[in-house]
N, C-alpha and C. Protein backbone atom coordinates (compact mmCIF):
# COMPACT_ATOMS: atom_id res chain seq x y z
N UNK A 1 15.82 -11.87 -0.92
CA UNK A 1 14.79 -10.84 -0.90
C UNK A 1 13.61 -11.36 -0.07
N UNK A 2 12.98 -10.47 0.65
CA UNK A 2 11.87 -10.83 1.52
C UNK A 2 10.69 -11.31 0.69
N UNK A 3 9.96 -12.27 1.26
CA UNK A 3 8.76 -12.76 0.61
C UNK A 3 7.62 -11.75 0.74
N UNK A 4 6.61 -11.92 -0.10
CA UNK A 4 5.50 -10.98 -0.12
C UNK A 4 4.74 -10.97 1.21
N UNK A 5 4.56 -12.15 1.81
CA UNK A 5 3.83 -12.21 3.08
C UNK A 5 4.59 -11.45 4.17
N UNK A 6 5.90 -11.64 4.21
CA UNK A 6 6.71 -10.93 5.20
C UNK A 6 6.65 -9.43 4.95
N UNK A 7 6.69 -9.02 3.71
CA UNK A 7 6.59 -7.60 3.38
C UNK A 7 5.24 -7.06 3.82
N UNK A 8 4.18 -7.83 3.59
CA UNK A 8 2.83 -7.40 3.99
C UNK A 8 2.76 -7.23 5.50
N UNK A 9 3.31 -8.19 6.25
CA UNK A 9 3.29 -8.11 7.72
C UNK A 9 4.06 -6.88 8.21
N UNK A 10 5.24 -6.66 7.64
CA UNK A 10 6.02 -5.48 8.01
C UNK A 10 5.26 -4.20 7.70
N UNK A 11 4.61 -4.18 6.55
CA UNK A 11 3.85 -2.99 6.15
C UNK A 11 2.69 -2.74 7.11
N UNK A 12 2.03 -3.80 7.53
CA UNK A 12 0.90 -3.65 8.45
C UNK A 12 1.34 -3.07 9.78
N UNK A 13 2.42 -3.58 10.34
CA UNK A 13 2.93 -3.06 11.60
C UNK A 13 3.41 -1.62 11.40
N UNK A 14 4.11 -1.35 10.32
CA UNK A 14 4.61 0.01 10.05
C UNK A 14 3.48 1.01 9.94
N UNK A 15 2.43 0.64 9.24
CA UNK A 15 1.28 1.53 9.06
C UNK A 15 0.67 1.88 10.42
N UNK A 16 0.39 0.87 11.21
CA UNK A 16 -0.23 1.10 12.52
C UNK A 16 0.70 1.90 13.44
N UNK A 17 1.99 1.59 13.38
CA UNK A 17 2.98 2.28 14.19
C UNK A 17 3.03 3.77 13.82
N UNK A 18 3.05 4.08 12.54
CA UNK A 18 3.10 5.47 12.09
C UNK A 18 1.89 6.27 12.57
N UNK A 19 0.72 5.70 12.41
CA UNK A 19 -0.51 6.40 12.78
C UNK A 19 -0.56 6.65 14.29
N UNK A 20 -0.32 5.61 15.05
CA UNK A 20 -0.44 5.72 16.50
C UNK A 20 0.68 6.56 17.10
N UNK A 21 1.90 6.41 16.61
CA UNK A 21 3.00 7.20 17.17
C UNK A 21 2.82 8.68 16.85
N UNK A 22 2.25 8.99 15.69
CA UNK A 22 1.97 10.39 15.36
C UNK A 22 0.95 11.00 16.32
N UNK A 23 -0.09 10.24 16.62
CA UNK A 23 -1.10 10.70 17.56
C UNK A 23 -0.50 10.91 18.95
N UNK A 24 0.25 9.92 19.42
CA UNK A 24 0.85 10.02 20.76
C UNK A 24 1.84 11.18 20.82
N UNK A 25 2.60 11.39 19.77
CA UNK A 25 3.56 12.51 19.74
C UNK A 25 2.83 13.83 19.92
N UNK A 26 1.67 13.96 19.32
CA UNK A 26 0.88 15.18 19.47
C UNK A 26 0.42 15.33 20.93
N UNK A 27 0.02 14.22 21.53
CA UNK A 27 -0.51 14.28 22.90
C UNK A 27 0.56 14.55 23.95
N UNK A 28 1.79 14.14 23.70
CA UNK A 28 2.84 14.27 24.71
C UNK A 28 3.82 15.39 24.37
N UNK A 29 3.42 16.30 23.52
CA UNK A 29 4.33 17.33 23.01
C UNK A 29 5.10 18.06 24.11
N UNK A 30 4.50 18.35 25.24
CA UNK A 30 5.19 19.10 26.28
C UNK A 30 5.81 18.28 27.38
N UNK A 31 5.70 16.97 27.30
CA UNK A 31 6.19 16.08 28.37
C UNK A 31 7.44 15.35 27.89
N UNK A 32 8.61 15.80 28.37
CA UNK A 32 9.88 15.24 27.90
C UNK A 32 10.02 13.75 28.23
N UNK A 33 9.56 13.32 29.40
CA UNK A 33 9.65 11.89 29.76
C UNK A 33 8.79 11.04 28.82
N UNK A 34 7.59 11.52 28.54
CA UNK A 34 6.70 10.78 27.64
C UNK A 34 7.27 10.78 26.21
N UNK A 35 7.84 11.89 25.80
CA UNK A 35 8.45 11.95 24.45
C UNK A 35 9.62 10.97 24.35
N UNK A 36 10.39 10.88 25.42
CA UNK A 36 11.52 9.94 25.44
C UNK A 36 11.01 8.49 25.37
N UNK A 37 9.96 8.20 26.15
CA UNK A 37 9.37 6.86 26.13
C UNK A 37 8.85 6.52 24.73
N UNK A 38 8.16 7.47 24.11
CA UNK A 38 7.66 7.27 22.76
C UNK A 38 8.80 7.02 21.78
N UNK A 39 9.84 7.84 21.87
CA UNK A 39 10.99 7.69 20.97
C UNK A 39 11.64 6.31 21.13
N UNK A 40 11.73 5.83 22.37
CA UNK A 40 12.32 4.50 22.60
C UNK A 40 11.45 3.40 22.01
N UNK A 41 10.14 3.50 22.19
CA UNK A 41 9.24 2.48 21.64
C UNK A 41 9.29 2.46 20.11
N UNK A 42 9.26 3.63 19.52
CA UNK A 42 9.30 3.72 18.05
C UNK A 42 10.64 3.25 17.52
N UNK A 43 11.73 3.65 18.17
CA UNK A 43 13.06 3.22 17.73
C UNK A 43 13.21 1.70 17.85
N UNK A 44 12.68 1.14 18.94
CA UNK A 44 12.74 -0.31 19.11
C UNK A 44 11.95 -1.04 18.03
N UNK A 45 10.77 -0.53 17.72
CA UNK A 45 9.95 -1.14 16.66
C UNK A 45 10.63 -0.99 15.30
N UNK A 46 11.16 0.20 15.03
CA UNK A 46 11.84 0.42 13.74
C UNK A 46 13.07 -0.48 13.60
N UNK A 47 13.83 -0.63 14.68
CA UNK A 47 15.01 -1.49 14.63
C UNK A 47 14.60 -2.94 14.37
N UNK A 48 13.53 -3.38 15.01
CA UNK A 48 13.06 -4.75 14.80
C UNK A 48 12.57 -4.95 13.38
N UNK A 49 11.90 -3.95 12.82
CA UNK A 49 11.41 -4.06 11.44
C UNK A 49 12.54 -3.99 10.42
N UNK A 50 13.61 -3.28 10.77
CA UNK A 50 14.75 -3.11 9.85
C UNK A 50 15.76 -4.25 9.94
N UNK A 51 15.64 -5.08 10.97
CA UNK A 51 16.60 -6.18 11.14
C UNK A 51 16.50 -7.15 9.97
N UNK A 52 17.53 -7.94 9.80
CA UNK A 52 17.53 -8.93 8.73
C UNK A 52 17.72 -10.31 9.35
N UNK A 53 16.72 -11.13 9.42
CA UNK A 53 15.33 -10.88 9.00
C UNK A 53 14.61 -10.02 10.03
N UNK A 54 13.54 -9.36 9.61
CA UNK A 54 12.79 -8.51 10.53
C UNK A 54 12.22 -9.33 11.68
N UNK A 55 12.21 -8.73 12.86
CA UNK A 55 11.65 -9.38 14.04
C UNK A 55 10.26 -8.81 14.28
N UNK A 56 9.28 -9.41 13.65
CA UNK A 56 7.91 -8.91 13.73
C UNK A 56 7.33 -9.04 15.13
N UNK A 57 7.76 -10.03 15.87
CA UNK A 57 7.25 -10.20 17.24
C UNK A 57 7.67 -9.02 18.12
N UNK A 58 8.92 -8.63 18.05
CA UNK A 58 9.41 -7.51 18.85
C UNK A 58 8.72 -6.23 18.41
N UNK A 59 8.63 -6.00 17.11
CA UNK A 59 7.97 -4.80 16.61
C UNK A 59 6.51 -4.77 17.05
N UNK A 60 5.85 -5.90 16.98
CA UNK A 60 4.44 -5.97 17.41
C UNK A 60 4.30 -5.72 18.90
N UNK A 61 5.28 -6.19 19.68
CA UNK A 61 5.24 -5.92 21.12
C UNK A 61 5.32 -4.43 21.40
N UNK A 62 6.20 -3.73 20.69
CA UNK A 62 6.31 -2.28 20.85
C UNK A 62 5.01 -1.59 20.42
N UNK A 63 4.44 -2.06 19.33
CA UNK A 63 3.18 -1.51 18.85
C UNK A 63 2.08 -1.76 19.89
N UNK A 64 2.02 -2.96 20.45
CA UNK A 64 1.02 -3.27 21.47
C UNK A 64 1.15 -2.35 22.68
N UNK A 65 2.38 -2.02 23.04
CA UNK A 65 2.58 -1.10 24.16
C UNK A 65 2.06 0.30 23.82
N UNK A 66 2.26 0.72 22.58
CA UNK A 66 1.71 2.01 22.16
C UNK A 66 0.19 1.99 22.19
N UNK A 67 -0.39 0.90 21.73
CA UNK A 67 -1.86 0.77 21.74
C UNK A 67 -2.36 0.84 23.18
N UNK A 68 -1.72 0.11 24.08
CA UNK A 68 -2.12 0.10 25.49
C UNK A 68 -2.01 1.51 26.07
N UNK A 69 -0.91 2.19 25.77
CA UNK A 69 -0.68 3.55 26.25
C UNK A 69 -1.79 4.48 25.76
N UNK A 70 -2.09 4.42 24.49
CA UNK A 70 -3.14 5.28 23.93
C UNK A 70 -4.51 4.92 24.51
N UNK A 71 -4.76 3.64 24.70
CA UNK A 71 -6.05 3.21 25.27
C UNK A 71 -6.22 3.67 26.71
N UNK A 72 -5.15 3.68 27.48
CA UNK A 72 -5.28 4.05 28.88
C UNK A 72 -5.24 5.56 29.09
N UNK A 73 -4.48 6.27 28.29
CA UNK A 73 -4.32 7.72 28.49
C UNK A 73 -5.30 8.57 27.68
N UNK A 74 -5.62 8.13 26.49
CA UNK A 74 -6.39 8.99 25.58
C UNK A 74 -7.55 8.26 24.91
N UNK A 75 -8.17 7.36 25.61
CA UNK A 75 -9.25 6.56 25.02
C UNK A 75 -10.39 7.45 24.50
N UNK A 76 -10.67 8.54 25.20
CA UNK A 76 -11.79 9.40 24.82
C UNK A 76 -11.36 10.64 24.04
N UNK A 77 -10.10 10.68 23.66
CA UNK A 77 -9.60 11.85 22.93
C UNK A 77 -10.31 11.91 21.57
N UNK A 78 -10.79 13.10 21.19
CA UNK A 78 -11.55 13.18 19.93
C UNK A 78 -10.74 12.86 18.67
N UNK A 79 -9.41 12.96 18.75
CA UNK A 79 -8.59 12.68 17.58
C UNK A 79 -7.83 11.36 17.67
N UNK A 80 -8.16 10.56 18.67
CA UNK A 80 -7.50 9.26 18.79
C UNK A 80 -7.86 8.43 17.57
N UNK A 81 -6.84 7.95 16.87
CA UNK A 81 -7.14 7.16 15.66
C UNK A 81 -7.81 5.84 16.04
N UNK A 82 -8.81 5.50 15.27
CA UNK A 82 -9.45 4.20 15.44
C UNK A 82 -8.93 3.29 14.34
N UNK A 83 -8.95 2.00 14.61
CA UNK A 83 -8.48 1.05 13.60
C UNK A 83 -9.40 1.12 12.40
N UNK A 84 -8.82 1.22 11.24
CA UNK A 84 -9.59 1.33 10.00
C UNK A 84 -10.38 0.05 9.75
N UNK A 85 -11.45 0.18 8.98
CA UNK A 85 -12.21 -1.00 8.55
C UNK A 85 -11.26 -1.88 7.73
N UNK A 86 -11.51 -3.18 7.68
CA UNK A 86 -10.55 -4.09 7.00
C UNK A 86 -10.20 -3.68 5.57
N UNK A 87 -11.18 -3.24 4.80
CA UNK A 87 -10.86 -2.87 3.42
C UNK A 87 -9.98 -1.64 3.36
N UNK A 88 -10.25 -0.65 4.21
CA UNK A 88 -9.42 0.55 4.23
C UNK A 88 -8.03 0.24 4.79
N UNK A 89 -7.97 -0.59 5.82
CA UNK A 89 -6.67 -0.99 6.39
C UNK A 89 -5.84 -1.70 5.33
N UNK A 90 -6.47 -2.56 4.54
CA UNK A 90 -5.74 -3.25 3.47
C UNK A 90 -5.24 -2.28 2.41
N UNK A 91 -6.05 -1.30 2.05
CA UNK A 91 -5.60 -0.29 1.07
C UNK A 91 -4.39 0.47 1.60
N UNK A 92 -4.46 0.87 2.86
CA UNK A 92 -3.34 1.60 3.44
C UNK A 92 -2.09 0.72 3.54
N UNK A 93 -2.29 -0.51 3.98
CA UNK A 93 -1.16 -1.44 4.10
C UNK A 93 -0.56 -1.72 2.73
N UNK A 94 -1.39 -1.81 1.72
CA UNK A 94 -0.90 -2.05 0.36
C UNK A 94 0.06 -0.94 -0.07
N UNK A 95 -0.25 0.30 0.28
CA UNK A 95 0.66 1.40 -0.05
C UNK A 95 2.01 1.23 0.64
N UNK A 96 1.98 0.86 1.91
CA UNK A 96 3.23 0.61 2.64
C UNK A 96 3.98 -0.55 2.01
N UNK A 97 3.26 -1.62 1.69
CA UNK A 97 3.90 -2.82 1.13
C UNK A 97 4.54 -2.52 -0.22
N UNK A 98 3.87 -1.70 -1.04
CA UNK A 98 4.45 -1.34 -2.33
C UNK A 98 5.78 -0.64 -2.14
N UNK A 99 5.84 0.25 -1.17
CA UNK A 99 7.09 0.96 -0.92
C UNK A 99 8.18 0.01 -0.44
N UNK A 100 7.83 -0.90 0.48
CA UNK A 100 8.82 -1.87 0.98
C UNK A 100 9.29 -2.79 -0.14
N UNK A 101 8.38 -3.25 -0.94
CA UNK A 101 8.72 -4.15 -2.05
C UNK A 101 9.60 -3.43 -3.06
N UNK A 102 9.25 -2.19 -3.33
CA UNK A 102 10.00 -1.40 -4.31
C UNK A 102 11.46 -1.24 -3.89
N UNK A 103 11.68 -0.95 -2.62
CA UNK A 103 13.04 -0.76 -2.10
C UNK A 103 13.84 -2.06 -2.18
N UNK A 104 13.17 -3.21 -2.04
CA UNK A 104 13.86 -4.49 -2.02
C UNK A 104 14.28 -4.95 -3.42
N UNK A 105 13.76 -4.33 -4.46
CA UNK A 105 14.06 -4.76 -5.82
C UNK A 105 15.35 -4.13 -6.33
N UNK A 106 16.08 -4.85 -7.20
CA UNK A 106 17.26 -4.26 -7.83
C UNK A 106 16.89 -3.05 -8.69
N UNK A 107 17.82 -2.15 -8.87
CA UNK A 107 17.57 -0.90 -9.61
C UNK A 107 17.07 -1.20 -11.02
N UNK A 108 17.67 -2.15 -11.71
CA UNK A 108 17.25 -2.42 -13.09
C UNK A 108 15.81 -2.91 -13.15
N UNK A 109 15.37 -3.66 -12.13
CA UNK A 109 13.98 -4.12 -12.09
C UNK A 109 13.06 -2.94 -11.80
N UNK A 110 13.46 -2.06 -10.89
CA UNK A 110 12.65 -0.86 -10.61
C UNK A 110 12.53 0.01 -11.84
N UNK A 111 13.63 0.15 -12.60
CA UNK A 111 13.58 0.94 -13.83
C UNK A 111 12.62 0.32 -14.83
N UNK A 112 12.68 -0.99 -14.98
CA UNK A 112 11.78 -1.69 -15.90
C UNK A 112 10.33 -1.55 -15.44
N UNK A 113 10.11 -1.64 -14.14
CA UNK A 113 8.76 -1.44 -13.60
C UNK A 113 8.26 -0.04 -13.92
N UNK A 114 9.12 0.95 -13.78
CA UNK A 114 8.74 2.32 -14.10
C UNK A 114 8.35 2.47 -15.56
N UNK A 115 9.11 1.81 -16.43
CA UNK A 115 8.79 1.86 -17.86
C UNK A 115 7.43 1.23 -18.12
N UNK A 116 7.18 0.07 -17.52
CA UNK A 116 5.91 -0.63 -17.72
C UNK A 116 4.76 0.17 -17.12
N UNK A 117 4.98 0.76 -15.95
CA UNK A 117 3.94 1.56 -15.32
C UNK A 117 3.57 2.77 -16.18
N UNK A 118 4.58 3.42 -16.75
CA UNK A 118 4.31 4.55 -17.63
C UNK A 118 3.55 4.09 -18.87
N UNK A 119 3.95 2.97 -19.43
CA UNK A 119 3.27 2.41 -20.59
C UNK A 119 1.81 2.10 -20.26
N UNK A 120 1.59 1.51 -19.09
CA UNK A 120 0.22 1.20 -18.66
C UNK A 120 -0.61 2.47 -18.57
N UNK A 121 -0.07 3.49 -17.95
CA UNK A 121 -0.82 4.74 -17.77
C UNK A 121 -1.15 5.39 -19.10
N UNK A 122 -0.15 5.47 -19.99
CA UNK A 122 -0.36 6.11 -21.29
C UNK A 122 -1.39 5.33 -22.10
N UNK A 123 -1.25 4.03 -22.17
CA UNK A 123 -2.18 3.20 -22.96
C UNK A 123 -3.58 3.23 -22.36
N UNK A 124 -3.66 3.17 -21.02
CA UNK A 124 -4.96 3.21 -20.35
C UNK A 124 -5.68 4.51 -20.68
N UNK A 125 -4.98 5.64 -20.53
CA UNK A 125 -5.61 6.93 -20.81
C UNK A 125 -6.02 7.05 -22.28
N UNK A 126 -5.18 6.55 -23.17
CA UNK A 126 -5.52 6.60 -24.59
C UNK A 126 -6.77 5.77 -24.88
N UNK A 127 -6.88 4.60 -24.28
CA UNK A 127 -8.06 3.77 -24.49
C UNK A 127 -9.31 4.42 -23.90
N UNK A 128 -9.18 5.02 -22.75
CA UNK A 128 -10.33 5.66 -22.11
C UNK A 128 -10.83 6.87 -22.90
N UNK A 129 -9.95 7.48 -23.67
CA UNK A 129 -10.34 8.66 -24.45
C UNK A 129 -10.95 8.30 -25.80
N UNK A 130 -10.96 7.04 -26.12
CA UNK A 130 -11.54 6.64 -27.41
C UNK A 130 -13.03 6.97 -27.44
N UNK A 131 -13.46 7.64 -28.50
CA UNK A 131 -14.90 7.93 -28.58
C UNK A 131 -15.69 6.66 -28.89
N UNK A 132 -16.88 6.60 -28.41
CA UNK A 132 -17.78 5.51 -28.76
C UNK A 132 -17.59 4.22 -27.99
N UNK A 133 -16.77 4.21 -26.94
CA UNK A 133 -16.62 2.99 -26.15
C UNK A 133 -17.90 2.75 -25.37
N UNK A 134 -18.38 1.52 -25.43
CA UNK A 134 -19.57 1.21 -24.64
C UNK A 134 -19.17 0.94 -23.19
N UNK A 135 -20.16 0.89 -22.35
CA UNK A 135 -19.94 0.74 -20.91
C UNK A 135 -19.18 -0.54 -20.58
N UNK A 136 -19.56 -1.63 -21.16
CA UNK A 136 -18.94 -2.92 -20.86
C UNK A 136 -17.46 -2.92 -21.25
N UNK A 137 -17.13 -2.38 -22.41
CA UNK A 137 -15.74 -2.32 -22.85
C UNK A 137 -14.93 -1.44 -21.90
N UNK A 138 -15.50 -0.30 -21.51
CA UNK A 138 -14.82 0.60 -20.58
C UNK A 138 -14.57 -0.11 -19.24
N UNK A 139 -15.56 -0.87 -18.75
CA UNK A 139 -15.39 -1.63 -17.51
C UNK A 139 -14.29 -2.67 -17.67
N UNK A 140 -14.25 -3.35 -18.82
CA UNK A 140 -13.21 -4.34 -19.07
C UNK A 140 -11.82 -3.70 -19.05
N UNK A 141 -11.71 -2.53 -19.65
CA UNK A 141 -10.43 -1.82 -19.68
C UNK A 141 -9.99 -1.46 -18.26
N UNK A 142 -10.91 -0.94 -17.45
CA UNK A 142 -10.59 -0.60 -16.06
C UNK A 142 -10.17 -1.84 -15.28
N UNK A 143 -10.90 -2.93 -15.46
CA UNK A 143 -10.60 -4.17 -14.74
C UNK A 143 -9.21 -4.70 -15.09
N UNK A 144 -8.92 -4.79 -16.38
CA UNK A 144 -7.64 -5.34 -16.79
C UNK A 144 -6.49 -4.39 -16.43
N UNK A 145 -6.73 -3.10 -16.48
CA UNK A 145 -5.70 -2.14 -16.04
C UNK A 145 -5.40 -2.34 -14.55
N UNK A 146 -6.42 -2.59 -13.77
CA UNK A 146 -6.22 -2.88 -12.35
C UNK A 146 -5.39 -4.13 -12.13
N UNK A 147 -5.64 -5.15 -12.93
CA UNK A 147 -4.85 -6.38 -12.84
C UNK A 147 -3.39 -6.11 -13.20
N UNK A 148 -3.16 -5.29 -14.20
CA UNK A 148 -1.79 -4.95 -14.58
C UNK A 148 -1.10 -4.19 -13.45
N UNK A 149 -1.83 -3.27 -12.82
CA UNK A 149 -1.25 -2.50 -11.71
C UNK A 149 -0.93 -3.43 -10.53
N UNK A 150 -1.80 -4.39 -10.25
CA UNK A 150 -1.52 -5.34 -9.17
C UNK A 150 -0.30 -6.18 -9.49
N UNK A 151 -0.17 -6.61 -10.73
CA UNK A 151 1.00 -7.39 -11.12
C UNK A 151 2.28 -6.57 -10.90
N UNK A 152 2.23 -5.29 -11.22
CA UNK A 152 3.39 -4.42 -10.97
C UNK A 152 3.67 -4.30 -9.48
N UNK A 153 2.61 -4.15 -8.69
CA UNK A 153 2.79 -4.06 -7.23
C UNK A 153 3.51 -5.29 -6.69
N UNK A 154 3.23 -6.44 -7.28
CA UNK A 154 3.84 -7.69 -6.83
C UNK A 154 5.20 -7.95 -7.48
N UNK A 155 5.59 -7.11 -8.43
CA UNK A 155 6.87 -7.27 -9.09
C UNK A 155 6.85 -8.28 -10.22
N UNK A 156 5.67 -8.64 -10.72
CA UNK A 156 5.55 -9.59 -11.83
C UNK A 156 5.46 -8.82 -13.14
N UNK A 157 6.62 -8.54 -13.71
CA UNK A 157 6.68 -7.68 -14.89
C UNK A 157 6.03 -8.34 -16.11
N UNK A 158 6.28 -9.64 -16.29
CA UNK A 158 5.70 -10.33 -17.45
C UNK A 158 4.18 -10.34 -17.36
N UNK A 159 3.65 -10.58 -16.18
CA UNK A 159 2.20 -10.58 -16.00
C UNK A 159 1.63 -9.19 -16.27
N UNK A 160 2.32 -8.15 -15.84
CA UNK A 160 1.86 -6.79 -16.09
C UNK A 160 1.81 -6.51 -17.59
N UNK A 161 2.84 -6.89 -18.30
CA UNK A 161 2.84 -6.65 -19.75
C UNK A 161 1.76 -7.47 -20.45
N UNK A 162 1.53 -8.69 -19.97
CA UNK A 162 0.47 -9.53 -20.54
C UNK A 162 -0.90 -8.86 -20.32
N UNK A 163 -1.11 -8.30 -19.14
CA UNK A 163 -2.38 -7.63 -18.85
C UNK A 163 -2.54 -6.35 -19.68
N UNK A 164 -1.45 -5.65 -19.95
CA UNK A 164 -1.52 -4.47 -20.80
C UNK A 164 -1.97 -4.88 -22.21
N UNK A 165 -1.42 -5.99 -22.71
CA UNK A 165 -1.86 -6.47 -24.03
C UNK A 165 -3.35 -6.84 -24.01
N UNK A 166 -3.80 -7.47 -22.93
CA UNK A 166 -5.23 -7.81 -22.79
C UNK A 166 -6.08 -6.55 -22.77
N UNK A 167 -5.59 -5.52 -22.09
CA UNK A 167 -6.32 -4.26 -21.99
C UNK A 167 -6.47 -3.64 -23.39
N UNK A 168 -5.38 -3.68 -24.15
CA UNK A 168 -5.43 -3.13 -25.51
C UNK A 168 -6.40 -3.93 -26.38
N UNK A 169 -6.40 -5.24 -26.21
CA UNK A 169 -7.34 -6.08 -26.96
C UNK A 169 -8.78 -5.74 -26.60
N UNK A 170 -9.04 -5.54 -25.31
CA UNK A 170 -10.39 -5.19 -24.87
C UNK A 170 -10.82 -3.86 -25.48
N UNK A 171 -9.90 -2.92 -25.61
CA UNK A 171 -10.21 -1.62 -26.17
C UNK A 171 -10.32 -1.60 -27.68
N UNK A 172 -9.87 -2.67 -28.34
CA UNK A 172 -9.93 -2.69 -29.80
C UNK A 172 -11.16 -3.43 -30.32
N UNK A 173 -12.01 -3.91 -29.43
CA UNK A 173 -13.22 -4.62 -29.82
C UNK A 173 -14.24 -3.61 -30.33
N UNK A 174 -15.00 -4.02 -31.34
CA UNK A 174 -16.06 -3.16 -31.86
C UNK A 174 -17.06 -2.85 -30.75
N UNK A 175 -17.48 -1.61 -30.64
CA UNK A 175 -18.43 -1.24 -29.59
C UNK A 175 -19.72 -2.06 -29.68
N UNK A 176 -20.19 -2.48 -28.50
CA UNK A 176 -21.46 -3.21 -28.42
C UNK A 176 -22.55 -2.22 -28.08
N UNK A 177 -23.76 -2.62 -28.29
CA UNK A 177 -24.91 -1.77 -27.96
C UNK A 177 -25.38 -2.12 -26.56
N UNK A 178 -24.70 -1.61 -25.55
CA UNK A 178 -25.12 -1.83 -24.17
C UNK A 178 -25.02 -0.53 -23.42
N UNK A 179 -25.66 -0.46 -22.31
CA UNK A 179 -25.66 0.76 -21.52
C UNK A 179 -25.17 0.45 -20.12
N UNK A 180 -24.50 1.43 -19.53
CA UNK A 180 -24.11 1.29 -18.12
C UNK A 180 -25.34 1.54 -17.28
N UNK A 181 -25.43 0.80 -16.21
CA UNK A 181 -26.60 1.06 -15.38
C UNK A 181 -26.44 0.74 -14.00
């Protein structure tokens, strides 16, 4: 199974490839030669990303050619996608990586992850609906729920279940007299 770093790299190239190829496809809609060129670049990048092991250098080369093409032909186009800020790019890449990681896992592990994810959601919502929770406890619940979700994203089922137990413990504490501010 692919390592997390490799999955992240594949996800990053895939994300950028999808955004840029979609933009270029819109721009070359009536030009058959340009559409063919785009299809070849995207197919080459997809084949490199799908290879075992993935050839990130080849995929990145195809992506670089798309970037160069967009920069030279449509630099001033009002809908030309700009590279996202690092935090937004990471959020988008994380979504791609979750999908890649999910596909790489055996079915029984995916089923178990689904069960844990459902448990996390149900318990989280139940805790959030408790009357009288103070601000600090609510923040603790959100924080630990986020840690459980990250553990699931990484495929660490035991860590996710451990964080769910921590979340429940945080929600069972007597309310403190504090205010959110």
